[in-house]
Protein backbone atom coordinates (compact mmCIF):
# COMPACT_ATOMS: atom_id res chain seq x y z
CA MET A 1 -0.41 -0.24 0.38
CA LEU A 2 2.91 2.34 0.37
CA ARG A 3 4.43 1.87 -2.30
CA LEU A 4 1.72 2.68 -4.36
CA LYS A 5 1.25 5.51 -2.48
CA ASN A 6 4.33 6.21 -3.33
CA PHE A 7 4.21 5.71 -6.89
CA PHE A 8 1.08 8.11 -6.94
CA VAL A 9 3.21 10.96 -5.40
CA ILE A 10 6.32 10.18 -7.83
CA ILE A 11 3.58 10.52 -10.42
CA LEU A 12 1.78 14.00 -9.50
CA PHE A 13 5.07 15.41 -8.64
CA LEU A 14 6.70 14.65 -12.17
CA THR A 15 3.22 15.74 -13.79
CA ILE A 16 3.61 19.06 -11.94
CA ILE A 17 6.87 19.56 -12.79
CA PHE A 18 6.57 18.53 -16.71
CA GLU A 19 3.25 20.92 -16.54
CA LEU A 20 5.66 23.89 -15.34
CA LEU A 21 8.50 22.96 -17.55
CA SER A 22 5.66 23.50 -20.40
CA PHE A 23 3.88 26.36 -19.10
CA PHE A 24 7.59 28.52 -19.26
CA ILE A 25 8.30 26.85 -22.84
CA TYR A 26 4.79 28.33 -24.26
CA LYS A 27 5.50 31.67 -22.70
CA LEU A 28 8.68 31.97 -24.21
CA ASN A 29 7.44 31.91 -27.65
CA ILE A 30 9.71 29.33 -29.01
CA LEU A 31 7.34 26.65 -30.47
CA GLU A 32 6.14 25.97 -33.48
CA ILE A 33 2.61 25.78 -32.40
CA ALA A 34 1.86 27.26 -29.26
CA HIS A 35 -1.33 25.58 -27.38
CA LYS A 36 -3.25 26.97 -24.64
CA PRO A 37 -5.18 24.01 -22.78
CA LYS A 38 -8.94 24.56 -23.08
CA ILE A 39 -9.46 25.20 -18.97
CA TYR A 40 -7.05 28.43 -19.16
CA LEU A 41 -9.10 30.17 -22.02
CA SER A 42 -10.67 33.19 -21.68
CA GLN A 43 -14.49 33.98 -21.64
CA ASN A 44 -16.04 32.84 -25.22
CA PHE A 45 -12.75 31.59 -26.53
CA VAL A 46 -12.89 27.66 -27.46
CA PRO A 47 -10.13 25.67 -28.83
CA ASN A 48 -9.79 25.58 -32.42
CA ASP A 49 -10.71 21.81 -32.98
CA GLU A 50 -14.27 23.08 -31.16
CA TRP A 51 -14.42 26.07 -33.28
CA TRP A 52 -14.75 24.33 -36.58
CA THR A 53 -17.16 21.71 -36.66
CA GLU A 54 -17.87 19.17 -38.90
CA GLU A 55 -21.72 18.16 -39.28
CA ASN A 56 -23.07 19.94 -42.22
CA LYS A 57 -23.66 18.83 -45.60
CA TRP A 58 -20.88 20.69 -46.91
CA GLY A 59 -18.44 19.23 -44.10
CA PRO A 60 -16.36 22.04 -42.31
CA TRP A 61 -18.11 24.88 -40.67
CA HIS A 62 -17.48 27.32 -37.13
CA ILE A 63 -19.72 27.25 -34.45
CA ASN A 64 -21.76 30.46 -33.95
CA ASN A 65 -20.86 33.81 -32.09
CA ALA A 66 -17.64 31.94 -30.43
CA LYS A 67 -14.23 33.05 -30.41
CA THR A 68 -10.80 31.18 -31.11
CA GLU A 69 -6.96 32.17 -31.40
CA GLN A 70 -3.97 30.45 -32.96
CA LYS A 71 -0.63 31.02 -32.20
CA ARG A 72 2.12 29.87 -34.82
CA SER A 73 5.89 30.55 -34.65
CA CYS A 74 4.98 33.77 -37.50
CA TYR A 75 1.87 34.57 -36.93
CA GLN A 76 -1.12 34.94 -33.99
CA ALA A 77 -4.33 35.59 -34.97
CA THR A 78 -8.04 35.80 -33.74
CA TYR A 79 -11.29 33.92 -35.33
CA ILE A 80 -14.36 35.39 -34.47
CA SER A 81 -17.62 33.72 -35.95
CA ASN A 82 -20.74 35.85 -36.56
CA GLU A 83 -24.59 34.56 -35.33
CA ILE A 84 -24.73 31.77 -38.76
CA GLY A 85 -21.06 30.87 -38.31
CA ALA A 86 -19.14 32.64 -40.32
CA ARG A 87 -15.87 34.09 -40.19
CA ASP A 88 -17.37 37.71 -40.44
CA GLU A 89 -19.55 40.68 -38.78
CA SER A 90 -23.03 40.47 -38.28
CA TYR A 91 -25.19 39.63 -41.76
CA LYS A 92 -28.68 40.96 -40.08
CA ILE A 93 -28.33 43.69 -42.20
CA ASN A 94 -27.86 42.09 -45.78
CA SER A 95 -28.70 44.44 -49.17
CA SER A 96 -28.91 43.02 -52.89
CA ASN A 97 -25.38 45.05 -53.73
CA ASN A 98 -22.97 42.60 -51.20
CA ILE A 99 -20.67 40.32 -52.50
CA ILE A 100 -20.69 36.55 -51.36
CA LEU A 101 -16.78 34.81 -51.07
CA ILE A 102 -16.66 31.15 -51.56
CA GLY A 103 -13.22 29.03 -50.57
CA ASP A 104 -10.81 27.18 -48.14
CA SER A 105 -8.97 28.55 -45.98
CA PHE A 106 -7.35 31.78 -48.21
CA ALA A 107 -10.67 32.78 -48.49
CA GLU A 108 -11.88 32.12 -44.57
CA GLY A 109 -8.47 34.36 -44.31
CA TYR A 110 -6.51 32.01 -42.27
CA GLY A 111 -3.48 32.97 -40.66
CA VAL A 112 -4.58 36.48 -39.99
CA ASN A 113 -7.20 39.01 -37.88
CA LEU A 114 -9.87 39.87 -40.09
CA ASN A 115 -8.73 43.31 -40.34
CA ASN A 116 -5.91 41.72 -43.21
CA THR A 117 -8.31 39.58 -44.86
CA SER A 118 -8.95 39.77 -48.49
CA GLN A 119 -12.46 40.10 -47.90
CA LYS A 120 -11.82 43.66 -46.04
CA TYR A 121 -9.71 44.68 -48.49
CA ILE A 122 -11.84 43.86 -50.94
CA GLU A 123 -14.34 46.07 -49.19
CA ASN A 124 -12.09 48.86 -48.78
CA PHE A 125 -11.14 48.57 -52.48
CA THR A 126 -14.55 48.69 -53.43
CA GLY A 127 -16.53 49.98 -51.40
CA LEU A 128 -19.00 47.02 -51.17
CA ASN A 129 -19.62 44.61 -48.59
CA VAL A 130 -18.63 41.05 -48.50
CA LEU A 131 -20.13 37.90 -46.96
CA ASN A 132 -17.46 35.32 -46.08
CA PHE A 133 -18.21 31.79 -46.60
CA GLY A 134 -15.10 30.55 -46.12
CA VAL A 135 -13.85 27.75 -44.47
CA SER A 136 -11.16 25.86 -43.34
CA LYS A 137 -10.49 21.97 -42.99
CA ASN A 138 -10.53 20.32 -46.03
CA PHE A 139 -12.83 22.60 -47.98
CA GLY A 140 -12.89 21.43 -51.73
CA ILE A 141 -15.15 22.32 -55.21
CA VAL A 142 -18.04 20.82 -54.57
CA GLN A 143 -18.03 21.75 -50.89
CA TYR A 144 -18.12 25.71 -52.73
CA TYR A 145 -21.29 24.39 -54.67
CA GLN A 146 -22.93 23.09 -51.92
CA ILE A 147 -22.60 26.18 -49.31
CA TYR A 148 -23.62 28.04 -51.98
CA SER A 149 -26.50 25.78 -53.14
CA GLN A 150 -28.00 25.00 -49.69
CA PHE A 151 -27.17 28.10 -47.69
CA ALA A 152 -24.86 31.29 -49.11
CA LYS A 153 -27.53 31.82 -52.15
CA ASN A 154 -30.15 32.41 -49.36
CA TYR A 155 -28.33 36.06 -48.47
CA ASP A 156 -29.08 39.05 -51.05
CA HIS A 157 -26.19 39.35 -53.12
CA SER A 158 -25.27 40.64 -56.45
CA LYS A 159 -21.90 38.88 -56.92
CA LEU A 160 -20.04 36.00 -56.24
CA ILE A 161 -16.48 35.59 -56.01
CA ILE A 162 -14.84 31.45 -55.52
CA PHE A 163 -11.52 31.10 -54.42
CA PHE A 164 -10.45 28.13 -55.94
CA LEU A 165 -6.54 26.52 -54.80
CA PRO A 166 -4.99 24.15 -57.35
CA SER A 167 -2.74 23.18 -54.34
CA ASN A 168 -5.83 20.54 -53.05
CA ASP A 169 -9.11 21.80 -54.41
CA PHE A 170 -8.92 19.30 -56.83
CA SER A 171 -8.27 16.41 -54.76
CA GLU A 172 -10.41 17.53 -52.13
CA ASN A 173 -13.19 16.04 -52.95
CA ASP A 174 -12.27 13.11 -54.78
CA TYR A 175 -13.19 9.91 -52.21
CA ASN A 176 -9.93 7.88 -53.41
CA ASN A 177 -7.92 10.23 -51.76
CA TRP A 178 -10.26 9.22 -48.41
CA ASN A 179 -11.20 6.18 -48.94
CA GLY A 180 -11.88 4.84 -45.52
CA SER A 181 -12.02 8.38 -43.68
CA LYS A 182 -15.19 8.42 -41.09
CA ARG A 183 -15.32 12.46 -41.35
CA TYR A 184 -18.78 14.12 -42.07
CA ARG A 185 -17.75 15.59 -45.65
CA PRO A 186 -19.18 15.46 -49.20
CA TYR A 187 -17.45 13.88 -51.92
CA TYR A 188 -18.11 13.18 -55.71
CA LYS A 189 -18.63 9.99 -57.77
CA LYS A 190 -18.43 9.88 -61.94
CA ILE A 191 -21.54 8.37 -63.19
CA ASN A 192 -20.51 9.63 -66.91
CA ASN A 193 -18.73 12.06 -68.87
CA GLU A 194 -21.82 14.57 -68.38
CA ASN A 195 -22.31 13.25 -64.74
CA TYR A 196 -21.16 13.28 -61.50
CA GLU A 197 -23.08 12.52 -58.32
CA ILE A 198 -22.59 13.79 -54.50
CA PHE A 199 -22.62 11.53 -51.87
CA ILE A 200 -21.38 11.16 -47.99
CA PRO A 201 -20.06 7.65 -47.10
CA LYS A 202 -22.78 5.77 -44.84
CA ASP A 203 -20.13 5.52 -41.77
CA ALA A 204 -19.78 8.79 -42.00
CA VAL A 205 -19.68 10.60 -38.26
CA LYS A 206 -20.59 14.21 -37.34
CA ASN A 207 -17.20 15.66 -35.60
CA HIS A 208 -15.35 11.92 -36.10
CA LYS A 209 -13.17 11.24 -33.38
CA SER A 210 -11.57 8.24 -32.90
CA LYS A 211 -10.41 6.86 -29.12
CA THR A 212 -7.41 8.42 -30.19
CA LYS A 213 -8.00 11.68 -30.94
CA LYS A 214 -10.54 11.66 -27.96
CA ILE A 215 -7.59 10.95 -25.50
CA LYS A 216 -5.60 13.41 -27.35
CA LYS A 217 -8.22 15.92 -26.88
CA PHE A 218 -8.58 15.58 -22.94
CA PHE A 219 -4.99 16.11 -22.93
CA LYS A 220 -4.97 19.65 -25.33
CA ASP A 221 -8.19 20.51 -22.80
CA TYR A 222 -6.45 20.34 -19.20
CA PHE A 223 -2.30 19.85 -19.92
CA TRP A 224 0.69 22.65 -20.74
CA THR A 225 2.80 19.22 -21.05
CA SER A 226 0.52 18.69 -24.62
CA ASN A 227 1.83 21.27 -26.29
CA LEU A 228 5.39 19.54 -26.35
CA PHE A 229 3.20 15.92 -27.58
CA ILE A 230 1.47 18.53 -30.06
CA ASN A 231 5.05 20.16 -31.65
CA ILE A 232 7.03 16.86 -31.55
CA ASN A 233 4.12 14.71 -33.84
CA TYR A 234 4.16 17.90 -36.06
CA ASN A 235 7.66 18.23 -36.65
CA TYR A 236 7.72 14.07 -37.07
CA LYS A 237 5.27 14.15 -39.70
CA ILE A 238 7.05 16.76 -41.54
CA TYR A 239 9.69 14.46 -41.16
CA ARG A 240 7.85 11.45 -42.75
CA ALA A 241 6.71 13.53 -45.40
CA LYS A 242 10.55 14.57 -46.68
CA LYS A 243 11.70 11.27 -46.20
CA LYS A 244 9.16 9.95 -48.31
CA TYR A 245 8.69 12.59 -51.18
CA GLY A 246 11.60 14.35 -51.03
CA ASN A 247 11.14 18.82 -51.47
CA ASP A 248 7.42 19.77 -51.95
CA THR A 249 8.24 20.41 -55.65
CA PHE A 250 3.91 19.72 -56.17
CA SER A 251 2.24 21.91 -58.51
CA GLY A 252 -1.40 22.08 -58.67
CA TYR A 253 -1.41 23.90 -61.59
CA PHE A 254 0.54 21.78 -63.31
CA ASP A 255 0.95 18.23 -61.80
CA THR A 256 -2.72 17.38 -61.40
CA LYS A 257 -4.47 14.20 -62.47
CA LEU A 258 -6.54 14.81 -65.84
CA ASP A 259 -9.72 13.18 -64.65
CA GLN A 260 -9.58 15.54 -61.32
CA GLN A 261 -9.03 18.26 -63.20
CA LYS A 262 -12.43 17.35 -65.36
CA ALA A 263 -14.54 16.99 -62.37
CA ALA A 264 -13.77 20.17 -60.96
CA ILE A 265 -14.76 21.70 -64.49
CA TYR A 266 -17.82 20.32 -64.23
CA PHE A 267 -18.71 21.32 -60.33
CA ILE A 268 -17.25 25.40 -61.01
CA LYS A 269 -19.99 25.16 -63.98
CA LYS A 270 -22.62 23.90 -61.80
CA LEU A 271 -21.75 26.40 -59.14
CA ILE A 272 -21.79 29.49 -62.37
CA THR A 273 -25.28 28.24 -63.27
CA GLU A 274 -26.56 27.79 -59.74
CA ALA A 275 -25.43 31.08 -59.09
CA ASP A 276 -27.03 32.74 -62.38
CA LYS A 277 -24.68 36.33 -60.75
CA ASP A 278 -21.78 38.26 -61.90
CA THR A 279 -19.33 35.11 -60.87
CA TYR A 280 -15.37 35.62 -60.28
CA LEU A 281 -13.21 32.68 -60.22
CA VAL A 282 -9.93 33.20 -58.53
CA SER A 283 -7.17 30.69 -59.38
CA ILE A 284 -4.46 31.05 -56.30
CA PRO A 285 -0.61 29.70 -56.76
CA ARG A 286 1.52 28.76 -54.37
CA LEU A 287 5.53 29.20 -54.39
CA GLN A 288 5.99 25.73 -56.30
CA ASP A 289 3.44 26.45 -59.20
CA PHE A 290 5.10 30.16 -59.75
CA ASN A 291 9.02 28.03 -59.60
CA LYS A 292 7.40 26.21 -62.37
CA LEU A 293 5.83 28.48 -64.59
CA ASN A 294 9.18 30.36 -64.46
CA SER A 295 10.94 27.22 -65.09
CA GLY A 296 8.97 26.71 -68.50
CA GLU A 297 5.88 24.87 -68.18
CA ASN A 298 3.18 25.99 -70.65
CA LEU A 299 0.03 27.51 -68.66
CA GLU A 300 -2.15 27.45 -71.56
CA GLU A 301 -1.73 23.74 -72.55
CA VAL A 302 -3.16 22.83 -69.13
CA PHE A 303 -6.49 21.65 -69.28
CA TRP A 304 -8.37 23.16 -66.73
CA ILE A 305 -6.82 26.60 -67.44
CA LYS A 306 -7.67 26.19 -71.34
CA SER A 307 -11.18 25.63 -69.97
CA LEU A 308 -11.44 28.22 -67.58
CA ASN A 309 -10.23 30.91 -70.16
CA ASN A 310 -12.93 29.47 -72.81
CA MET A 311 -15.69 30.03 -70.38
CA SER A 312 -14.45 33.61 -69.43
CA LYS A 313 -15.02 34.49 -72.87
CA ASN A 314 -17.78 32.52 -73.45
CA ILE A 315 -20.23 33.18 -70.22
CA LYS A 316 -21.15 36.67 -69.84
CA ASN A 317 -21.29 36.80 -66.42
CA PHE A 318 -18.36 34.87 -65.76
CA THR A 319 -14.32 36.04 -65.53
CA PHE A 320 -11.26 34.41 -64.28
CA ILE A 321 -9.14 36.02 -62.82
CA ASP A 322 -5.51 33.98 -62.35
CA LEU A 323 -3.14 35.29 -59.79
CA ILE A 324 -0.56 33.64 -60.98
CA LYS A 325 -0.34 35.89 -64.13
CA TYR A 326 0.34 39.28 -61.36
CA PRO A 327 4.02 38.56 -59.93
CA ILE A 328 5.75 40.48 -57.61
CA LEU A 329 9.55 40.48 -57.38
CA ASN A 330 9.68 39.18 -53.53
CA LEU A 331 7.19 36.35 -53.77
CA GLU A 332 8.00 35.06 -50.27
CA GLU A 333 6.63 37.53 -48.64
CA LEU A 334 3.48 36.22 -50.15
CA TYR A 335 3.25 33.89 -48.07
CA LEU A 336 3.54 33.02 -44.23
CA LYS A 337 7.04 31.44 -43.60
CA CYS A 338 5.65 28.60 -40.75
CA ASP A 339 2.49 28.20 -42.74
CA GLY A 340 1.68 28.91 -46.95
CA HIS A 341 -1.12 31.01 -46.38
CA TRP A 342 -1.32 34.64 -47.80
CA THR A 343 0.49 37.75 -45.14
CA PRO A 344 -1.01 40.66 -44.61
CA LYS A 345 1.13 41.69 -47.85
CA GLY A 346 -0.99 38.62 -49.79
CA ASN A 347 -3.96 39.58 -49.14
CA LYS A 348 -3.81 42.89 -50.64
CA TRP A 349 -2.10 42.04 -53.30
CA ALA A 350 -5.04 39.60 -54.19
CA ALA A 351 -7.75 41.87 -52.74
CA GLU A 352 -6.43 44.68 -55.02
CA ILE A 353 -6.16 42.47 -58.23
CA ILE A 354 -9.78 41.16 -57.87
CA SER A 355 -11.01 44.55 -56.86
CA LYS A 356 -9.74 46.35 -60.24
CA LYS A 357 -11.89 43.13 -62.15
CA ILE A 358 -14.90 44.15 -60.30
CA LEU A 359 -14.67 47.87 -60.46
CA LYS A 360 -14.15 47.47 -64.40
CA ASP A 361 -16.99 45.61 -64.99
């Protein structure tokens, strides 16, 4: 009995030591990912993994009227959702001259505060109000169509902006990449050359968490020590990825499978038809896309580029804006060094290009 008691005393002592050490490491701002446990969060703040949900037919969204904070080595951002869960101010006052923005984390404004998002810069440049329906967590073109047709289109607007990220939007809803996953999100299935079916797997679970994730969630909610494991796991994943794939040279612009390109074009056309409004599709390049273009790849011969260019010529209310055609001298300044999303400068760069097209029309 005495040995058991001593054992628990030692465990408690070590836990306190590790917690104090982890807390001081957190305060020193030397971690790549700085995580504050749920029990220490300020009022109205929730953990990241609770602010983003996965229970709607389009998959990821945000809980209503809540805040969360993200802290990485190269940025610190606060995300606030409104009464419908959008990362934006209230939509209670809605004008027919509004713009709806849909897309993934680039539209949502991942890694920057609200005033430094492309949405806010577009509002400043155009004088128009942008309703932001962008969301992170593996959001692809099928989900763009669904969140617009099932949710966003119910709000008055005269224009639609679609942020399209070739780096992963082609593959996000290809079930071949997610086979076996129980996440509650939609995928496409090819019926024939003219048609695709949208489905959610029968065994998908809303806000799915495996037993392992539930245990991790407990430690993340209550212990500072979770920071050490989060960062060790993060660096291990990077190490494995580099060992398996080498340098990240994949370019969504040039290296995407043709069948994924065709599926994306199908759903983009479907979305334009559903909206029946002035629609702007904005293609977002990564650094590796710029690198491949500069190395001599022929942009105009890529299937999806040719398709969107033709659509832009032949569909009156559709405009294709390809940001890869607007490079700046120092491209690295557009992207967060530790993450790859836009910096405030990157958001402003994109917004200025988009706004000029909108005002021209």
